[in-house]
């Protein structure tokens, strides 16, 4: 079980000055996993205003490489590929 996860990919304050990136926020490589209450957020705004697609790049919020994986309360936002 994985529970109560908050992940944010975004610069400290202004993505025009400092960026960060990730391929994915969570990757599950196992069977029979329960993911409960996860918020996976690619920052779409900061003190500089709107964050554009090339900044704070994240391909996927959640990638599942297993069987019988269930998720409850999953929030996956603003990723540039598949959200899940």
PDB file of N, CA and C in Angstrom:
ATOM      1  N   UNK A   1       0.842  -1.176   0.000  1.00  0.00           N
ATOM      2  CA  UNK A   1       0.000   0.000   0.000  1.00  0.00           C
ATOM      3  C   UNK A   1       0.886   1.237   0.000  1.00  0.00           C
ATOM      4  N   UNK A   2       0.483   2.194  -0.825  1.00  0.00           N
ATOM      5  CA  UNK A   2       1.122   3.507  -0.855  1.00  0.00           C
ATOM      6  C   UNK A   2       0.015   4.501  -0.537  1.00  0.00           C
ATOM      7  N   UNK A   3       0.209   5.338   0.474  1.00  0.00           N
ATOM      8  CA  UNK A   3      -0.885   6.241   0.845  1.00  0.00           C
ATOM      9  C   UNK A   3      -0.382   7.645   1.162  1.00  0.00           C
ATOM     10  N   UNK A   4      -1.281   8.597   0.950  1.00  0.00           N
ATOM     11  CA  UNK A   4      -1.071  10.010   1.285  1.00  0.00           C
ATOM     12  C   UNK A   4       0.213  10.576   0.675  1.00  0.00           C
ATOM     13  N   UNK A   5       0.217  10.662  -0.663  1.00  0.00           N
ATOM     14  CA  UNK A   5       1.380  11.130  -1.405  1.00  0.00           C
ATOM     15  C   UNK A   5       1.069  12.491  -2.037  1.00  0.00           C
ATOM     16  N   UNK A   6       1.966  13.439  -1.879  1.00  0.00           N
ATOM     17  CA  UNK A   6       1.897  14.700  -2.605  1.00  0.00           C
ATOM     18  C   UNK A   6       3.215  14.874  -3.338  1.00  0.00           C
ATOM     19  N   UNK A   7       3.145  15.007  -4.663  1.00  0.00           N
ATOM     20  CA  UNK A   7       4.352  15.229  -5.459  1.00  0.00           C
ATOM     21  C   UNK A   7       4.117  16.430  -6.358  1.00  0.00           C
ATOM     22  N   UNK A   8       5.076  17.328  -6.377  1.00  0.00           N
ATOM     23  CA  UNK A   8       4.992  18.522  -7.220  1.00  0.00           C
ATOM     24  C   UNK A   8       6.301  18.683  -7.956  1.00  0.00           C
ATOM     25  N   UNK A   9       6.229  18.874  -9.256  1.00  0.00           N
ATOM     26  CA  UNK A   9       7.412  19.197 -10.037  1.00  0.00           C
ATOM     27  C   UNK A   9       7.263  20.634 -10.481  1.00  0.00           C
ATOM     28  N   UNK A  10       8.144  21.462  -9.968  1.00  0.00           N
ATOM     29  CA  UNK A  10       8.137  22.887 -10.291  1.00  0.00           C
ATOM     30  C   UNK A  10       9.336  23.530  -9.644  1.00  0.00           C
ATOM     31  N   UNK A  11       9.763  24.627 -10.232  1.00  0.00           N
ATOM     32  CA  UNK A  11      10.897  25.345  -9.677  1.00  0.00           C
ATOM     33  C   UNK A  11      10.566  25.947  -8.322  1.00  0.00           C
ATOM     34  N   UNK A  12      11.580  26.462  -7.681  1.00  0.00           N
ATOM     35  CA  UNK A  12      11.397  27.030  -6.345  1.00  0.00           C
ATOM     36  C   UNK A  12      10.406  28.188  -6.363  1.00  0.00           C
ATOM     37  N   UNK A  13      10.517  29.068  -7.333  1.00  0.00           N
ATOM     38  CA  UNK A  13       9.631  30.226  -7.393  1.00  0.00           C
ATOM     39  C   UNK A  13       9.273  30.640  -8.810  1.00  0.00           C
ATOM     40  N   UNK A  14      10.249  30.793  -9.686  1.00  0.00           N
ATOM     41  CA  UNK A  14      10.014  31.323 -11.025  1.00  0.00           C
ATOM     42  C   UNK A  14      10.625  30.374 -12.053  1.00  0.00           C
ATOM     43  N   UNK A  15       9.772  29.682 -12.806  1.00  0.00           N
ATOM     44  CA  UNK A  15      10.260  28.673 -13.749  1.00  0.00           C
ATOM     45  C   UNK A  15      11.050  29.277 -14.903  1.00  0.00           C
ATOM     46  N   UNK A  16      10.964  30.582 -15.108  1.00  0.00           N
ATOM     47  CA  UNK A  16      11.766  31.221 -16.163  1.00  0.00           C
ATOM     48  C   UNK A  16      13.223  31.338 -15.742  1.00  0.00           C
ATOM     49  N   UNK A  17      13.490  31.262 -14.445  1.00  0.00           N
ATOM     50  CA  UNK A  17      14.858  31.385 -13.952  1.00  0.00           C
ATOM     51  C   UNK A  17      15.461  30.042 -13.562  1.00  0.00           C
ATOM     52  N   UNK A  18      14.628  29.137 -13.042  1.00  0.00           N
ATOM     53  CA  UNK A  18      15.117  27.838 -12.579  1.00  0.00           C
ATOM     54  C   UNK A  18      14.047  26.792 -12.822  1.00  0.00           C
ATOM     55  N   UNK A  19      14.423  25.745 -13.538  1.00  0.00           N
ATOM     56  CA  UNK A  19      13.465  24.687 -13.862  1.00  0.00           C
ATOM     57  C   UNK A  19      13.851  23.376 -13.207  1.00  0.00           C
ATOM     58  N   UNK A  20      12.893  22.496 -13.170  1.00  0.00           N
ATOM     59  CA  UNK A  20      13.121  21.122 -12.752  1.00  0.00           C
ATOM     60  C   UNK A  20      12.296  20.233 -13.669  1.00  0.00           C
ATOM     61  N   UNK A  21      12.598  18.956 -13.733  1.00  0.00           N
ATOM     62  CA  UNK A  21      11.850  18.064 -14.614  1.00  0.00           C
ATOM     63  C   UNK A  21      11.910  16.638 -14.094  1.00  0.00           C
ATOM     64  N   UNK A  22      11.018  15.803 -14.629  1.00  0.00           N
ATOM     65  CA  UNK A  22      10.986  14.385 -14.279  1.00  0.00           C
ATOM     66  C   UNK A  22      10.303  13.621 -15.405  1.00  0.00           C
ATOM     67  N   UNK A  23      10.700  12.389 -15.618  1.00  0.00           N
ATOM     68  CA  UNK A  23       9.991  11.542 -16.582  1.00  0.00           C
ATOM     69  C   UNK A  23       8.607  11.205 -16.060  1.00  0.00           C
ATOM     70  N   UNK A  24       8.545  10.797 -14.791  1.00  0.00           N
ATOM     71  CA  UNK A  24       7.269  10.459 -14.152  1.00  0.00           C
ATOM     72  C   UNK A  24       7.403  10.723 -12.660  1.00  0.00           C
ATOM     73  N   UNK A  25       6.275  10.895 -12.004  1.00  0.00           N
ATOM     74  CA  UNK A  25       6.312  11.175 -10.563  1.00  0.00           C
ATOM     75  C   UNK A  25       6.303   9.894  -9.739  1.00  0.00           C
ATOM     76  N   UNK A  26       5.472   8.941 -10.124  1.00  0.00           N
ATOM     77  CA  UNK A  26       5.453   7.642  -9.439  1.00  0.00           C
ATOM     78  C   UNK A  26       5.446   6.551 -10.497  1.00  0.00           C
ATOM     79  N   UNK A  27       6.255   5.520 -10.278  1.00  0.00           N
ATOM     80  CA  UNK A  27       6.255   4.338 -11.136  1.00  0.00           C
ATOM     81  C   UNK A  27       6.058   3.120 -10.240  1.00  0.00           C
ATOM     82  N   UNK A  28       5.048   2.323 -10.531  1.00  0.00           N
ATOM     83  CA  UNK A  28       4.758   1.110  -9.760  1.00  0.00           C
ATOM     84  C   UNK A  28       5.144  -0.085 -10.614  1.00  0.00           C
ATOM     85  N   UNK A  29       6.088  -0.879 -10.113  1.00  0.00           N
ATOM     86  CA  UNK A  29       6.592  -2.057 -10.825  1.00  0.00           C
ATOM     87  C   UNK A  29       6.303  -3.322 -10.038  1.00  0.00           C
ATOM     88  N   UNK A  30       5.054  -3.457  -9.582  1.00  0.00           N
ATOM     89  CA  UNK A  30       4.698  -4.616  -8.778  1.00  0.00           C
ATOM     90  C   UNK A  30       3.218  -4.910  -8.971  1.00  0.00           C
ATOM     91  N   UNK A  31       2.816  -6.103  -8.625  1.00  0.00           N
ATOM     92  CA  UNK A  31       1.408  -6.498  -8.674  1.00  0.00           C
ATOM     93  C   UNK A  31       0.777  -6.278  -7.303  1.00  0.00           C
ATOM     94  N   UNK A  32      -0.545  -6.215  -7.292  1.00  0.00           N
ATOM     95  CA  UNK A  32      -1.325  -6.136  -6.046  1.00  0.00           C
ATOM     96  C   UNK A  32      -0.927  -4.938  -5.171  1.00  0.00           C
ATOM     97  N   UNK A  33      -0.962  -3.769  -5.765  1.00  0.00           N
ATOM     98  CA  UNK A  33      -0.644  -2.540  -5.047  1.00  0.00           C
ATOM     99  C   UNK A  33      -1.912  -1.703  -4.924  1.00  0.00           C
ATOM    100  N   UNK A  34      -2.088  -1.077  -3.781  1.00  0.00           N
ATOM    101  CA  UNK A  34      -3.163  -0.116  -3.575  1.00  0.00           C
ATOM    102  C   UNK A  34      -2.512   1.249  -3.381  1.00  0.00           C
ATOM    103  N   UNK A  35      -2.937   2.201  -4.191  1.00  0.00           N
ATOM    104  CA  UNK A  35      -2.487   3.581  -4.065  1.00  0.00           C
ATOM    105  C   UNK A  35      -3.673   4.378  -3.550  1.00  0.00           C
ATOM    106  N   UNK A  36      -3.520   4.971  -2.380  1.00  0.00           N
ATOM    107  CA  UNK A  36      -4.628   5.673  -1.738  1.00  0.00           C
ATOM    108  C   UNK A  36      -4.262   7.131  -1.499  1.00  0.00           C
ATOM    109  N   UNK A  37      -5.000   8.016  -2.111  1.00  0.00           N
ATOM    110  CA  UNK A  37      -4.876   9.463  -1.957  1.00  0.00           C
ATOM    111  C   UNK A  37      -3.513   9.970  -2.394  1.00  0.00           C
ATOM    112  N   UNK A  38      -3.394  10.209  -3.701  1.00  0.00           N
ATOM    113  CA  UNK A  38      -2.156  10.741  -4.268  1.00  0.00           C
ATOM    114  C   UNK A  38      -2.472  11.959  -5.123  1.00  0.00           C
ATOM    115  N   UNK A  39      -1.735  13.022  -4.913  1.00  0.00           N
ATOM    116  CA  UNK A  39      -1.862  14.235  -5.719  1.00  0.00           C
ATOM    117  C   UNK A  39      -0.533  14.430  -6.427  1.00  0.00           C
ATOM    118  N   UNK A  40      -0.544  14.270  -7.733  1.00  0.00           N
ATOM    119  CA  UNK A  40       0.647  14.358  -8.570  1.00  0.00           C
ATOM    120  C   UNK A  40       0.483  15.582  -9.459  1.00  0.00           C
ATOM    121  N   UNK A  41       1.247  16.617  -9.190  1.00  0.00           N
ATOM    122  CA  UNK A  41       0.997  17.914  -9.803  1.00  0.00           C
ATOM    123  C   UNK A  41       2.238  18.479 -10.466  1.00  0.00           C
ATOM    124  N   UNK A  42       2.151  18.680 -11.766  1.00  0.00           N
ATOM    125  CA  UNK A  42       3.166  19.469 -12.466  1.00  0.00           C
ATOM    126  C   UNK A  42       2.719  20.911 -12.341  1.00  0.00           C
ATOM    127  N   UNK A  43       3.553  21.732 -11.736  1.00  0.00           N
ATOM    128  CA  UNK A  43       3.183  23.124 -11.470  1.00  0.00           C
ATOM    129  C   UNK A  43       2.850  23.835 -12.774  1.00  0.00           C
ATOM    130  N   UNK A  44       1.662  24.384 -12.844  1.00  0.00           N
ATOM    131  CA  UNK A  44       1.239  25.110 -14.038  1.00  0.00           C
ATOM    132  C   UNK A  44       1.234  26.615 -13.808  1.00  0.00           C
ATOM    133  N   UNK A  45       1.631  27.046 -12.618  1.00  0.00           N
ATOM    134  CA  UNK A  45       1.775  28.466 -12.318  1.00  0.00           C
ATOM    135  C   UNK A  45       2.756  28.632 -11.161  1.00  0.00           C
ATOM    136  N   UNK A  46       3.392  29.785 -11.109  1.00  0.00           N
ATOM    137  CA  UNK A  46       4.300  30.125 -10.014  1.00  0.00           C
ATOM    138  C   UNK A  46       4.291  31.647  -9.874  1.00  0.00           C
ATOM    139  N   UNK A  47       5.238  32.207  -9.154  1.00  0.00           N
ATOM    140  CA  UNK A  47       5.202  33.660  -8.937  1.00  0.00           C
ATOM    141  C   UNK A  47       5.409  34.446 -10.230  1.00  0.00           C
ATOM    142  N   UNK A  48       5.970  33.794 -11.247  1.00  0.00           N
ATOM    143  CA  UNK A  48       6.158  34.446 -12.538  1.00  0.00           C
ATOM    144  C   UNK A  48       4.914  34.397 -13.414  1.00  0.00           C
ATOM    145  N   UNK A  49       3.879  33.700 -12.958  1.00  0.00           N
ATOM    146  CA  UNK A  49       2.647  33.563 -13.739  1.00  0.00           C
ATOM    147  C   UNK A  49       2.491  32.157 -14.283  1.00  0.00           C
ATOM    148  N   UNK A  50       1.907  32.054 -15.471  1.00  0.00           N
ATOM    149  CA  UNK A  50       1.657  30.749 -16.091  1.00  0.00           C
ATOM    150  C   UNK A  50       2.973  30.069 -16.470  1.00  0.00           C
ATOM    151  N   UNK A  51       3.047  28.769 -16.222  1.00  0.00           N
ATOM    152  CA  UNK A  51       4.200  27.967 -16.614  1.00  0.00           C
ATOM    153  C   UNK A  51       3.863  27.322 -17.953  1.00  0.00           C
ATOM    154  N   UNK A  52       4.707  27.541 -18.932  1.00  0.00           N
ATOM    155  CA  UNK A  52       4.437  27.019 -20.265  1.00  0.00           C
ATOM    156  C   UNK A  52       4.960  25.595 -20.415  1.00  0.00           C
ATOM    157  N   UNK A  53       4.475  24.892 -21.437  1.00  0.00           N
ATOM    158  CA  UNK A  53       4.730  23.459 -21.598  1.00  0.00           C
ATOM    159  C   UNK A  53       6.193  23.066 -21.575  1.00  0.00           C
ATOM    160  N   UNK A  54       7.064  23.880 -22.084  1.00  0.00           N
ATOM    161  CA  UNK A  54       8.471  23.487 -22.117  1.00  0.00           C
ATOM    162  C   UNK A  54       9.137  23.616 -20.744  1.00  0.00           C
ATOM    163  N   UNK A  55       8.506  24.291 -19.810  1.00  0.00           N
ATOM    164  CA  UNK A  55       9.076  24.462 -18.470  1.00  0.00           C
ATOM    165  C   UNK A  55       8.532  23.405 -17.521  1.00  0.00           C
ATOM    166  N   UNK A  56       9.333  23.019 -16.547  1.00  0.00           N
ATOM    167  CA  UNK A  56       8.946  22.022 -15.529  1.00  0.00           C
ATOM    168  C   UNK A  56       8.377  20.770 -16.194  1.00  0.00           C
ATOM    169  N   UNK A  57       9.125  20.226 -17.131  1.00  0.00           N
ATOM    170  CA  UNK A  57       8.645  19.108 -17.950  1.00  0.00           C
ATOM    171  C   UNK A  57       8.426  17.846 -17.117  1.00  0.00           C
ATOM    172  N   UNK A  58       7.254  17.260 -17.264  1.00  0.00           N
ATOM    173  CA  UNK A  58       6.940  15.948 -16.692  1.00  0.00           C
ATOM    174  C   UNK A  58       6.128  15.183 -17.731  1.00  0.00           C
ATOM    175  N   UNK A  59       6.606  14.014 -18.117  1.00  0.00           N
ATOM    176  CA  UNK A  59       5.910  13.211 -19.118  1.00  0.00           C
ATOM    177  C   UNK A  59       4.632  12.581 -18.546  1.00  0.00           C
ATOM    178  N   UNK A  60       4.757  11.870 -17.421  1.00  0.00           N
ATOM    179  CA  UNK A  60       3.617  11.145 -16.840  1.00  0.00           C
ATOM    180  C   UNK A  60       3.553  11.354 -15.339  1.00  0.00           C
ATOM    181  N   UNK A  61       2.330  11.379 -14.813  1.00  0.00           N
ATOM    182  CA  UNK A  61       2.152  11.456 -13.371  1.00  0.00           C
ATOM    183  C   UNK A  61       2.356  10.097 -12.718  1.00  0.00           C
ATOM    184  N   UNK A  62       1.707   9.076 -13.271  1.00  0.00           N
ATOM    185  CA  UNK A  62       1.778   7.725 -12.706  1.00  0.00           C
ATOM    186  C   UNK A  62       1.948   6.729 -13.834  1.00  0.00           C
ATOM    187  N   UNK A  63       2.928   5.845 -13.692  1.00  0.00           N
ATOM    188  CA  UNK A  63       3.106   4.752 -14.642  1.00  0.00           C
ATOM    189  C   UNK A  63       2.986   3.448 -13.871  1.00  0.00           C
ATOM    190  N   UNK A  64       2.117   2.574 -14.345  1.00  0.00           N
ATOM    191  CA  UNK A  64       1.882   1.292 -13.685  1.00  0.00           C
ATOM    192  C   UNK A  64       2.374   0.175 -14.590  1.00  0.00           C
ATOM    193  N   UNK A  65       3.301  -0.626 -14.081  1.00  0.00           N
ATOM    194  CA  UNK A  65       3.845  -1.785 -14.793  1.00  0.00           C
ATOM    195  C   UNK A  65       3.552  -3.035 -13.989  1.00  0.00           C
ATOM    196  N   UNK A  66       2.322  -3.190 -13.566  1.00  0.00           N
ATOM    197  CA  UNK A  66       1.940  -4.346 -12.762  1.00  0.00           C
ATOM    198  C   UNK A  66       0.464  -4.657 -12.976  1.00  0.00           C
ATOM    199  N   UNK A  67       0.053  -5.763 -12.432  1.00  0.00           N
ATOM    200  CA  UNK A  67      -1.345  -6.194 -12.526  1.00  0.00           C
ATOM    201  C   UNK A  67      -2.016  -6.009 -11.170  1.00  0.00           C
ATOM    202  N   UNK A  68      -3.330  -5.874 -11.224  1.00  0.00           N
ATOM    203  CA  UNK A  68      -4.161  -5.769 -10.015  1.00  0.00           C
ATOM    204  C   UNK A  68      -3.751  -4.582  -9.131  1.00  0.00           C
ATOM    205  N   UNK A  69      -3.491  -3.452  -9.782  1.00  0.00           N
ATOM    206  CA  UNK A  69      -3.162  -2.218  -9.076  1.00  0.00           C
ATOM    207  C   UNK A  69      -4.429  -1.375  -9.022  1.00  0.00           C
ATOM    208  N   UNK A  70      -4.797  -0.919  -7.824  1.00  0.00           N
ATOM    209  CA  UNK A  70      -5.985  -0.092  -7.641  1.00  0.00           C
ATOM    210  C   UNK A  70      -5.577   1.230  -7.024  1.00  0.00           C
ATOM    211  N   UNK A  71      -6.293   2.269  -7.431  1.00  0.00           N
ATOM    212  CA  UNK A  71      -6.024   3.586  -6.874  1.00  0.00           C
ATOM    213  C   UNK A  71      -7.330   4.222  -6.448  1.00  0.00           C
ATOM    214  N   UNK A  72      -7.302   4.854  -5.302  1.00  0.00           N
ATOM    215  CA  UNK A  72      -8.440   5.587  -4.766  1.00  0.00           C
ATOM    216  C   UNK A  72      -7.988   7.021  -4.500  1.00  0.00           C
ATOM    217  N   UNK A  73      -8.762   7.990  -4.955  1.00  0.00           N
ATOM    218  CA  UNK A  73      -8.412   9.390  -4.709  1.00  0.00           C
ATOM    219  C   UNK A  73      -7.136   9.805  -5.414  1.00  0.00           C
ATOM    220  N   UNK A  74      -7.056   9.514  -6.713  1.00  0.00           N
ATOM    221  CA  UNK A  74      -5.870   9.871  -7.495  1.00  0.00           C
ATOM    222  C   UNK A  74      -6.128  11.177  -8.239  1.00  0.00           C
ATOM    223  N   UNK A  75      -5.247  12.144  -8.034  1.00  0.00           N
ATOM    224  CA  UNK A  75      -5.306  13.422  -8.725  1.00  0.00           C
ATOM    225  C   UNK A  75      -3.988  13.587  -9.475  1.00  0.00           C
ATOM    226  N   UNK A  76      -4.045  13.614 -10.789  1.00  0.00           N
ATOM    227  CA  UNK A  76      -2.859  13.728 -11.628  1.00  0.00           C
ATOM    228  C   UNK A  76      -3.101  14.889 -12.589  1.00  0.00           C
ATOM    229  N   UNK A  77      -2.280  15.946 -12.474  1.00  0.00           N
ATOM    230  CA  UNK A  77      -2.596  17.184 -13.181  1.00  0.00           C
ATOM    231  C   UNK A  77      -1.437  17.745 -13.998  1.00  0.00           C
ATOM    232  N   UNK A  78      -1.760  18.222 -15.190  1.00  0.00           N
ATOM    233  CA  UNK A  78      -0.921  19.071 -16.024  1.00  0.00           C
ATOM    234  C   UNK A  78       0.328  18.400 -16.600  1.00  0.00           C
ATOM    235  N   UNK A  79       0.396  17.086 -16.606  1.00  0.00           N
ATOM    236  CA  UNK A  79       1.554  16.415 -17.194  1.00  0.00           C
ATOM    237  C   UNK A  79       1.458  16.515 -18.703  1.00  0.00           C
ATOM    238  N   UNK A  80       2.577  16.421 -19.380  1.00  0.00           N
ATOM    239  CA  UNK A  80       2.608  16.715 -20.808  1.00  0.00           C
ATOM    240  C   UNK A  80       2.406  15.479 -21.680  1.00  0.00           C
ATOM    241  N   UNK A  81       2.460  14.296 -21.100  1.00  0.00           N
ATOM    242  CA  UNK A  81       2.127  13.071 -21.819  1.00  0.00           C
ATOM    243  C   UNK A  81       0.823  12.548 -21.250  1.00  0.00           C
ATOM    244  N   UNK A  82       0.758  11.249 -21.034  1.00  0.00           N
ATOM    245  CA  UNK A  82      -0.419  10.661 -20.394  1.00  0.00           C
ATOM    246  C   UNK A  82      -0.392  10.979 -18.908  1.00  0.00           C
ATOM    247  N   UNK A  83      -1.540  11.343 -18.354  1.00  0.00           N
ATOM    248  CA  UNK A  83      -1.592  11.622 -16.922  1.00  0.00           C
ATOM    249  C   UNK A  83      -1.309  10.348 -16.135  1.00  0.00           C
ATOM    250  N   UNK A  84      -1.917   9.248 -16.568  1.00  0.00           N
ATOM    251  CA  UNK A  84      -1.714   7.937 -15.934  1.00  0.00           C
ATOM    252  C   UNK A  84      -1.461   6.912 -17.021  1.00  0.00           C
TER     253      UNK A  84
END
